[in-house]
N, C-alpha and C. Protein backbone atom coordinates (compact mmCIF):
# COMPACT_ATOMS: atom_id res chain seq x y z
N MET A 1 0.85 -1.18 0.00
CA MET A 1 0.00 0.00 0.00
C MET A 1 0.89 1.23 0.00
N ASN A 2 0.54 2.21 -0.79
CA ASN A 2 1.32 3.44 -0.88
C ASN A 2 0.88 4.45 0.17
N PHE A 3 1.82 4.85 0.99
CA PHE A 3 1.59 5.91 1.95
C PHE A 3 2.93 6.57 2.21
N LEU A 4 2.88 7.78 2.72
CA LEU A 4 4.07 8.57 2.99
C LEU A 4 4.22 8.74 4.49
N ILE A 5 5.42 8.54 5.00
CA ILE A 5 5.68 8.80 6.41
C ILE A 5 6.49 10.09 6.49
N LYS A 6 5.95 11.04 7.25
CA LYS A 6 6.62 12.34 7.40
C LYS A 6 6.70 12.69 8.88
N LYS A 7 7.55 13.65 9.18
CA LYS A 7 7.67 14.15 10.55
C LYS A 7 6.50 15.09 10.83
N LEU A 8 5.91 14.97 11.99
CA LEU A 8 4.81 15.86 12.39
C LEU A 8 5.34 17.27 12.56
N ALA A 9 4.68 18.23 11.95
CA ALA A 9 5.07 19.63 12.05
C ALA A 9 4.46 20.23 13.32
N PRO A 10 5.08 21.26 13.88
CA PRO A 10 4.50 21.93 15.05
C PRO A 10 3.07 22.38 14.76
N GLY A 11 2.19 22.18 15.73
CA GLY A 11 0.81 22.61 15.60
C GLY A 11 -0.10 21.63 14.88
N GLU A 12 0.43 20.46 14.49
CA GLU A 12 -0.37 19.48 13.76
C GLU A 12 -0.92 18.36 14.63
N ARG A 13 -0.86 18.50 15.92
CA ARG A 13 -1.24 17.39 16.80
C ARG A 13 -2.70 17.01 16.70
N SER A 14 -3.53 17.85 16.12
CA SER A 14 -4.96 17.53 16.01
C SER A 14 -5.18 16.27 15.17
N VAL A 15 -4.30 16.03 14.19
CA VAL A 15 -4.45 14.79 13.41
C VAL A 15 -4.20 13.57 14.30
N CYS A 16 -3.32 13.71 15.27
CA CYS A 16 -3.05 12.62 16.21
C CYS A 16 -4.24 12.40 17.14
N GLU A 17 -4.88 13.47 17.54
CA GLU A 17 -6.04 13.34 18.43
C GLU A 17 -7.16 12.56 17.74
N GLU A 18 -7.41 12.86 16.49
CA GLU A 18 -8.45 12.13 15.75
C GLU A 18 -8.16 10.63 15.75
N ILE A 19 -6.91 10.29 15.51
CA ILE A 19 -6.53 8.88 15.43
C ILE A 19 -6.63 8.24 16.81
N LEU A 20 -6.10 8.89 17.84
CA LEU A 20 -6.19 8.36 19.21
C LEU A 20 -7.64 8.06 19.59
N ARG A 21 -8.51 9.00 19.32
CA ARG A 21 -9.92 8.86 19.72
C ARG A 21 -10.67 7.83 18.89
N SER A 22 -10.09 7.43 17.76
CA SER A 22 -10.73 6.40 16.93
C SER A 22 -10.39 4.99 17.41
N LEU A 23 -9.56 4.89 18.44
CA LEU A 23 -9.08 3.58 18.92
C LEU A 23 -9.36 3.39 20.41
N PRO A 24 -10.61 3.46 20.84
CA PRO A 24 -10.91 3.36 22.27
C PRO A 24 -10.54 2.01 22.89
N GLN A 25 -10.43 0.98 22.07
CA GLN A 25 -10.04 -0.32 22.61
C GLN A 25 -8.59 -0.32 23.09
N TRP A 26 -7.78 0.61 22.61
CA TRP A 26 -6.41 0.77 23.08
C TRP A 26 -6.23 2.07 23.86
N PHE A 27 -6.94 3.10 23.47
CA PHE A 27 -6.73 4.42 24.05
C PHE A 27 -8.07 4.99 24.52
N GLY A 28 -8.57 4.46 25.60
CA GLY A 28 -9.89 4.85 26.08
C GLY A 28 -9.89 5.63 27.38
N ILE A 29 -8.73 5.98 27.88
CA ILE A 29 -8.64 6.74 29.14
C ILE A 29 -8.37 8.20 28.80
N GLU A 30 -9.35 9.06 29.11
CA GLU A 30 -9.28 10.47 28.71
C GLU A 30 -8.01 11.15 29.22
N SER A 31 -7.65 10.93 30.47
CA SER A 31 -6.46 11.59 31.01
C SER A 31 -5.20 11.16 30.25
N ALA A 32 -5.15 9.91 29.82
CA ALA A 32 -4.00 9.43 29.05
C ALA A 32 -3.97 10.08 27.67
N ILE A 33 -5.13 10.21 27.04
CA ILE A 33 -5.19 10.87 25.73
C ILE A 33 -4.67 12.30 25.84
N ILE A 34 -5.11 13.02 26.85
CA ILE A 34 -4.68 14.40 27.05
C ILE A 34 -3.17 14.46 27.26
N GLN A 35 -2.63 13.54 28.06
CA GLN A 35 -1.18 13.52 28.30
C GLN A 35 -0.42 13.21 27.01
N TYR A 36 -0.89 12.22 26.25
CA TYR A 36 -0.24 11.92 24.97
C TYR A 36 -0.21 13.16 24.09
N LEU A 37 -1.32 13.85 23.98
CA LEU A 37 -1.39 15.02 23.10
C LEU A 37 -0.44 16.13 23.56
N GLU A 38 -0.31 16.33 24.85
CA GLU A 38 0.65 17.32 25.36
C GLU A 38 2.07 16.90 25.01
N ASP A 39 2.36 15.63 25.20
CA ASP A 39 3.72 15.14 24.97
C ASP A 39 4.09 15.09 23.50
N ILE A 40 3.12 14.79 22.64
CA ILE A 40 3.37 14.73 21.20
C ILE A 40 3.94 16.05 20.68
N GLU A 41 3.51 17.15 21.27
CA GLU A 41 4.01 18.47 20.86
C GLU A 41 5.52 18.61 21.07
N GLN A 42 6.05 17.88 22.05
CA GLN A 42 7.46 18.03 22.44
C GLN A 42 8.37 16.92 21.92
N LEU A 43 7.79 15.80 21.49
CA LEU A 43 8.57 14.62 21.14
C LEU A 43 8.56 14.36 19.64
N PRO A 44 9.63 13.72 19.11
CA PRO A 44 9.64 13.39 17.68
C PRO A 44 8.46 12.46 17.35
N THR A 45 7.69 12.85 16.34
CA THR A 45 6.51 12.10 15.93
C THR A 45 6.49 11.97 14.41
N PHE A 46 6.24 10.75 13.95
CA PHE A 46 6.09 10.48 12.53
C PHE A 46 4.61 10.21 12.24
N VAL A 47 4.15 10.69 11.09
CA VAL A 47 2.75 10.52 10.69
C VAL A 47 2.72 9.81 9.34
N ALA A 48 1.84 8.82 9.22
CA ALA A 48 1.64 8.13 7.94
C ALA A 48 0.48 8.80 7.22
N MET A 49 0.71 9.17 5.97
CA MET A 49 -0.30 9.86 5.15
C MET A 49 -0.70 8.97 3.97
N LYS A 50 -1.99 8.91 3.74
CA LYS A 50 -2.53 8.21 2.57
C LYS A 50 -3.55 9.14 1.94
N ASP A 51 -3.35 9.51 0.69
CA ASP A 51 -4.24 10.43 -0.01
C ASP A 51 -4.47 11.71 0.79
N ASN A 52 -3.38 12.27 1.31
CA ASN A 52 -3.40 13.52 2.09
C ASN A 52 -4.19 13.44 3.39
N LYS A 53 -4.40 12.25 3.91
CA LYS A 53 -5.09 12.07 5.19
C LYS A 53 -4.18 11.26 6.12
N ALA A 54 -4.07 11.71 7.37
CA ALA A 54 -3.26 10.99 8.36
C ALA A 54 -3.97 9.69 8.72
N VAL A 55 -3.23 8.58 8.64
CA VAL A 55 -3.81 7.26 8.95
C VAL A 55 -3.16 6.62 10.16
N GLY A 56 -2.10 7.25 10.68
CA GLY A 56 -1.42 6.72 11.86
C GLY A 56 -0.30 7.64 12.28
N PHE A 57 0.20 7.40 13.49
CA PHE A 57 1.36 8.16 13.95
C PHE A 57 2.13 7.34 14.98
N LEU A 58 3.39 7.68 15.13
CA LEU A 58 4.27 7.06 16.12
C LEU A 58 5.10 8.16 16.75
N THR A 59 5.16 8.17 18.08
CA THR A 59 5.93 9.15 18.83
C THR A 59 7.04 8.44 19.59
N ILE A 60 8.22 9.04 19.56
CA ILE A 60 9.41 8.48 20.20
C ILE A 60 9.76 9.31 21.44
N LYS A 61 10.13 8.61 22.49
CA LYS A 61 10.64 9.28 23.69
C LYS A 61 12.04 8.73 23.96
N GLN A 62 13.04 9.60 23.89
CA GLN A 62 14.41 9.16 24.14
C GLN A 62 14.72 9.36 25.62
N HIS A 63 15.18 8.29 26.27
CA HIS A 63 15.45 8.32 27.71
C HIS A 63 16.88 8.76 28.02
N ASN A 64 17.80 8.36 27.19
CA ASN A 64 19.20 8.73 27.35
C ASN A 64 19.89 8.49 26.00
N GLN A 65 21.21 8.62 25.96
CA GLN A 65 21.90 8.50 24.67
C GLN A 65 21.82 7.09 24.09
N PHE A 66 21.50 6.08 24.91
CA PHE A 66 21.49 4.70 24.45
C PHE A 66 20.10 4.14 24.18
N SER A 67 19.08 4.70 24.81
CA SER A 67 17.77 4.07 24.83
C SER A 67 16.63 5.04 24.51
N ALA A 68 15.70 4.54 23.71
CA ALA A 68 14.49 5.30 23.39
C ALA A 68 13.32 4.32 23.43
N GLU A 69 12.12 4.88 23.45
CA GLU A 69 10.94 4.02 23.44
C GLU A 69 9.91 4.51 22.44
N ILE A 70 9.11 3.56 21.99
CA ILE A 70 7.92 3.92 21.24
C ILE A 70 6.93 4.37 22.30
N TYR A 71 6.75 5.66 22.39
CA TYR A 71 5.92 6.25 23.44
C TYR A 71 4.44 5.99 23.15
N VAL A 72 4.06 6.19 21.91
CA VAL A 72 2.69 5.88 21.50
C VAL A 72 2.70 5.64 19.99
N MET A 73 1.95 4.62 19.57
CA MET A 73 1.79 4.34 18.15
C MET A 73 0.32 4.01 17.91
N CYS A 74 -0.28 4.67 16.94
CA CYS A 74 -1.69 4.45 16.59
C CYS A 74 -1.82 4.36 15.08
N VAL A 75 -2.62 3.41 14.63
CA VAL A 75 -2.94 3.29 13.21
C VAL A 75 -4.45 3.07 13.11
N LEU A 76 -5.10 3.82 12.24
CA LEU A 76 -6.53 3.65 12.05
C LEU A 76 -6.85 2.19 11.74
N PRO A 77 -7.92 1.65 12.30
CA PRO A 77 -8.22 0.21 12.13
C PRO A 77 -8.25 -0.26 10.67
N GLN A 78 -8.78 0.54 9.76
CA GLN A 78 -8.86 0.11 8.37
C GLN A 78 -7.49 0.01 7.69
N PHE A 79 -6.44 0.49 8.38
CA PHE A 79 -5.10 0.40 7.85
C PHE A 79 -4.23 -0.60 8.61
N HIS A 80 -4.82 -1.34 9.56
CA HIS A 80 -4.07 -2.40 10.24
C HIS A 80 -3.71 -3.48 9.22
N ARG A 81 -2.54 -4.04 9.41
CA ARG A 81 -2.06 -5.15 8.57
C ARG A 81 -1.86 -4.72 7.11
N LYS A 82 -1.53 -3.45 6.93
CA LYS A 82 -1.28 -2.92 5.58
C LYS A 82 0.16 -2.40 5.44
N GLY A 83 0.98 -2.61 6.47
CA GLY A 83 2.38 -2.19 6.41
C GLY A 83 2.69 -0.86 7.07
N VAL A 84 1.68 -0.19 7.60
CA VAL A 84 1.93 1.12 8.23
C VAL A 84 2.80 0.95 9.47
N GLY A 85 2.42 0.05 10.37
CA GLY A 85 3.18 -0.16 11.60
C GLY A 85 4.61 -0.60 11.32
N THR A 86 4.77 -1.51 10.38
CA THR A 86 6.12 -1.97 10.01
C THR A 86 6.95 -0.80 9.48
N SER A 87 6.35 0.03 8.64
CA SER A 87 7.07 1.19 8.12
C SER A 87 7.44 2.17 9.23
N PHE A 88 6.54 2.34 10.19
CA PHE A 88 6.86 3.20 11.33
C PHE A 88 8.09 2.68 12.08
N ILE A 89 8.10 1.38 12.36
CA ILE A 89 9.22 0.80 13.10
C ILE A 89 10.51 0.97 12.31
N GLU A 90 10.48 0.70 11.02
CA GLU A 90 11.68 0.85 10.19
C GLU A 90 12.17 2.29 10.18
N LYS A 91 11.27 3.24 10.02
CA LYS A 91 11.63 4.67 10.01
C LYS A 91 12.21 5.07 11.37
N THR A 92 11.58 4.62 12.44
CA THR A 92 12.03 4.93 13.79
C THR A 92 13.42 4.37 14.05
N GLU A 93 13.63 3.12 13.66
CA GLU A 93 14.94 2.50 13.87
C GLU A 93 16.02 3.25 13.11
N LYS A 94 15.76 3.61 11.87
CA LYS A 94 16.73 4.35 11.07
C LYS A 94 17.05 5.69 11.75
N PHE A 95 16.01 6.42 12.15
CA PHE A 95 16.17 7.71 12.83
C PHE A 95 17.01 7.56 14.10
N LEU A 96 16.71 6.56 14.90
CA LEU A 96 17.42 6.37 16.17
C LEU A 96 18.87 5.93 15.95
N LYS A 97 19.09 5.02 15.01
CA LYS A 97 20.45 4.57 14.71
C LYS A 97 21.32 5.75 14.27
N GLU A 98 20.75 6.62 13.42
CA GLU A 98 21.48 7.80 12.96
C GLU A 98 21.85 8.72 14.12
N ASN A 99 21.12 8.61 15.22
CA ASN A 99 21.39 9.43 16.40
C ASN A 99 22.11 8.65 17.51
N GLY A 100 22.65 7.48 17.17
CA GLY A 100 23.48 6.72 18.10
C GLY A 100 22.74 5.92 19.15
N VAL A 101 21.44 5.79 19.04
CA VAL A 101 20.67 5.02 20.01
C VAL A 101 20.84 3.53 19.72
N GLU A 102 21.01 2.73 20.77
CA GLU A 102 21.28 1.30 20.63
C GLU A 102 20.08 0.40 20.94
N TYR A 103 19.15 0.89 21.78
CA TYR A 103 18.04 0.05 22.23
C TYR A 103 16.71 0.78 22.04
N LEU A 104 15.72 0.03 21.58
CA LEU A 104 14.37 0.57 21.44
C LEU A 104 13.45 -0.28 22.29
N GLN A 105 12.66 0.38 23.12
CA GLN A 105 11.73 -0.33 23.99
C GLN A 105 10.29 0.10 23.71
N VAL A 106 9.38 -0.72 24.17
CA VAL A 106 7.96 -0.41 24.10
C VAL A 106 7.30 -1.00 25.33
N LYS A 107 6.29 -0.32 25.82
CA LYS A 107 5.51 -0.81 26.96
C LYS A 107 4.11 -1.13 26.47
N THR A 108 3.59 -2.29 26.86
CA THR A 108 2.25 -2.70 26.48
C THR A 108 1.69 -3.59 27.58
N LEU A 109 0.48 -4.08 27.39
CA LEU A 109 -0.09 -5.01 28.36
C LEU A 109 0.45 -6.41 28.08
N GLY A 110 0.75 -7.15 29.14
CA GLY A 110 1.30 -8.49 29.00
C GLY A 110 0.23 -9.56 28.93
N LYS A 111 0.68 -10.80 28.86
CA LYS A 111 -0.22 -11.96 28.74
C LYS A 111 -1.19 -12.08 29.90
N SER A 112 -0.80 -11.58 31.05
CA SER A 112 -1.66 -11.73 32.22
C SER A 112 -2.91 -10.85 32.14
N HIS A 113 -2.96 -9.94 31.15
CA HIS A 113 -4.14 -9.09 30.97
C HIS A 113 -4.97 -9.67 29.82
N PRO A 114 -6.19 -10.11 30.09
CA PRO A 114 -6.99 -10.81 29.05
C PRO A 114 -7.69 -9.84 28.09
N ASP A 115 -6.97 -9.29 27.17
CA ASP A 115 -7.55 -8.35 26.21
C ASP A 115 -7.11 -8.76 24.81
N LYS A 116 -8.07 -9.09 23.95
CA LYS A 116 -7.75 -9.59 22.61
C LYS A 116 -7.02 -8.56 21.75
N HIS A 117 -7.26 -7.28 21.99
CA HIS A 117 -6.59 -6.24 21.20
C HIS A 117 -5.10 -6.20 21.51
N TYR A 118 -4.76 -6.43 22.77
CA TYR A 118 -3.34 -6.39 23.14
C TYR A 118 -2.61 -7.67 22.75
N VAL A 119 -3.33 -8.75 22.50
CA VAL A 119 -2.70 -9.94 21.91
C VAL A 119 -2.16 -9.56 20.54
N LEU A 120 -2.96 -8.83 19.76
CA LEU A 120 -2.52 -8.37 18.44
C LEU A 120 -1.32 -7.43 18.56
N THR A 121 -1.37 -6.55 19.55
CA THR A 121 -0.26 -5.61 19.77
C THR A 121 1.03 -6.36 20.08
N ARG A 122 0.96 -7.30 21.04
CA ARG A 122 2.16 -8.06 21.40
C ARG A 122 2.67 -8.86 20.20
N ASN A 123 1.78 -9.48 19.46
CA ASN A 123 2.20 -10.26 18.29
C ASN A 123 2.91 -9.38 17.27
N PHE A 124 2.41 -8.17 17.07
CA PHE A 124 3.07 -7.24 16.15
C PHE A 124 4.50 -6.95 16.62
N TYR A 125 4.65 -6.62 17.90
CA TYR A 125 5.99 -6.29 18.39
C TYR A 125 6.92 -7.49 18.35
N PHE A 126 6.43 -8.69 18.63
CA PHE A 126 7.24 -9.90 18.48
C PHE A 126 7.72 -10.02 17.03
N LYS A 127 6.79 -9.83 16.09
CA LYS A 127 7.12 -9.91 14.67
C LYS A 127 8.20 -8.90 14.29
N MET A 128 8.20 -7.75 14.96
CA MET A 128 9.17 -6.71 14.66
C MET A 128 10.50 -6.90 15.40
N GLY A 129 10.62 -8.00 16.15
CA GLY A 129 11.90 -8.32 16.78
C GLY A 129 12.03 -7.92 18.24
N PHE A 130 10.97 -7.42 18.85
CA PHE A 130 11.01 -7.06 20.26
C PHE A 130 10.92 -8.32 21.11
N LYS A 131 11.60 -8.30 22.24
CA LYS A 131 11.58 -9.42 23.20
C LYS A 131 11.05 -8.93 24.53
N PRO A 132 10.24 -9.75 25.20
CA PRO A 132 9.73 -9.35 26.51
C PRO A 132 10.85 -9.37 27.55
N ILE A 133 10.86 -8.36 28.39
CA ILE A 133 11.88 -8.27 29.45
C ILE A 133 11.26 -8.61 30.80
N GLU A 134 10.18 -7.88 31.17
CA GLU A 134 9.58 -8.10 32.49
C GLU A 134 8.22 -7.40 32.53
N GLU A 135 7.33 -7.93 33.36
CA GLU A 135 6.07 -7.26 33.63
C GLU A 135 6.18 -6.54 34.96
N PHE A 136 5.70 -5.29 34.97
CA PHE A 136 5.74 -4.45 36.16
C PHE A 136 4.34 -4.03 36.53
N TYR A 137 4.09 -3.85 37.81
CA TYR A 137 2.81 -3.33 38.28
C TYR A 137 2.95 -1.91 38.82
N GLN A 138 4.17 -1.40 38.90
CA GLN A 138 4.40 -0.08 39.48
C GLN A 138 4.36 1.05 38.45
N ILE A 139 4.42 0.73 37.17
CA ILE A 139 4.49 1.77 36.14
C ILE A 139 3.13 2.39 35.88
N TRP A 140 2.12 1.56 35.65
CA TRP A 140 0.76 2.02 35.42
C TRP A 140 -0.08 1.60 36.60
N GLN A 141 -0.88 2.48 37.13
CA GLN A 141 -1.66 2.20 38.34
C GLN A 141 -2.49 0.93 38.20
N ASP A 142 -2.17 -0.07 38.99
CA ASP A 142 -2.93 -1.32 39.11
C ASP A 142 -3.11 -2.07 37.79
N ILE A 143 -2.32 -1.77 36.79
CA ILE A 143 -2.36 -2.51 35.52
C ILE A 143 -0.94 -2.97 35.24
N GLN A 144 -0.79 -4.24 34.90
CA GLN A 144 0.55 -4.71 34.64
C GLN A 144 1.05 -4.16 33.30
N CYS A 145 2.33 -3.88 33.25
CA CYS A 145 2.96 -3.30 32.08
C CYS A 145 4.08 -4.25 31.63
N LEU A 146 4.01 -4.70 30.39
CA LEU A 146 5.05 -5.55 29.83
C LEU A 146 6.06 -4.66 29.12
N LEU A 147 7.31 -4.76 29.53
CA LEU A 147 8.40 -4.04 28.87
C LEU A 147 9.01 -4.97 27.84
N MET A 148 9.06 -4.49 26.60
CA MET A 148 9.69 -5.24 25.51
C MET A 148 10.82 -4.38 24.95
N ILE A 149 11.86 -5.03 24.44
CA ILE A 149 13.03 -4.28 23.97
C ILE A 149 13.63 -4.98 22.76
N LYS A 150 14.31 -4.20 21.95
CA LYS A 150 15.11 -4.77 20.86
C LYS A 150 16.38 -3.96 20.70
N THR A 151 17.42 -4.64 20.23
CA THR A 151 18.69 -4.00 19.93
C THR A 151 18.62 -3.46 18.50
N LEU A 152 19.08 -2.23 18.33
CA LEU A 152 19.04 -1.62 17.00
C LEU A 152 20.29 -1.94 16.19
């Protein structure tokens, strides 16, 4: 599928809000949506465009010179399994490698959380080469968080 991945320009976060709000099965907590939108303004974000419409975005948070994380990634449901997520990961890895980053991490829900949507999420990250490190209960209030990582 043909789409263009570009860097989000300042003031364009509204396209990200539309996408976030279209995915309540993953992003249904209002306070989290608001926090993501505030942070997107400050963090490197890539947007996938198809026919001049944003169909997904990925935001990176760099923790130190060696490590960064996929802070948030959203793709409109009708574009799942069309290569958008894979292209985001490839673009992100290239960007991070060029900046000397060695490790990329992502946080998601682990196997102990019975949610079919997050099974798809974990499977995607496994396919992209991420490995599970540990599940934590201290990161997100009363919800276990699976930390996955890959070497770039």
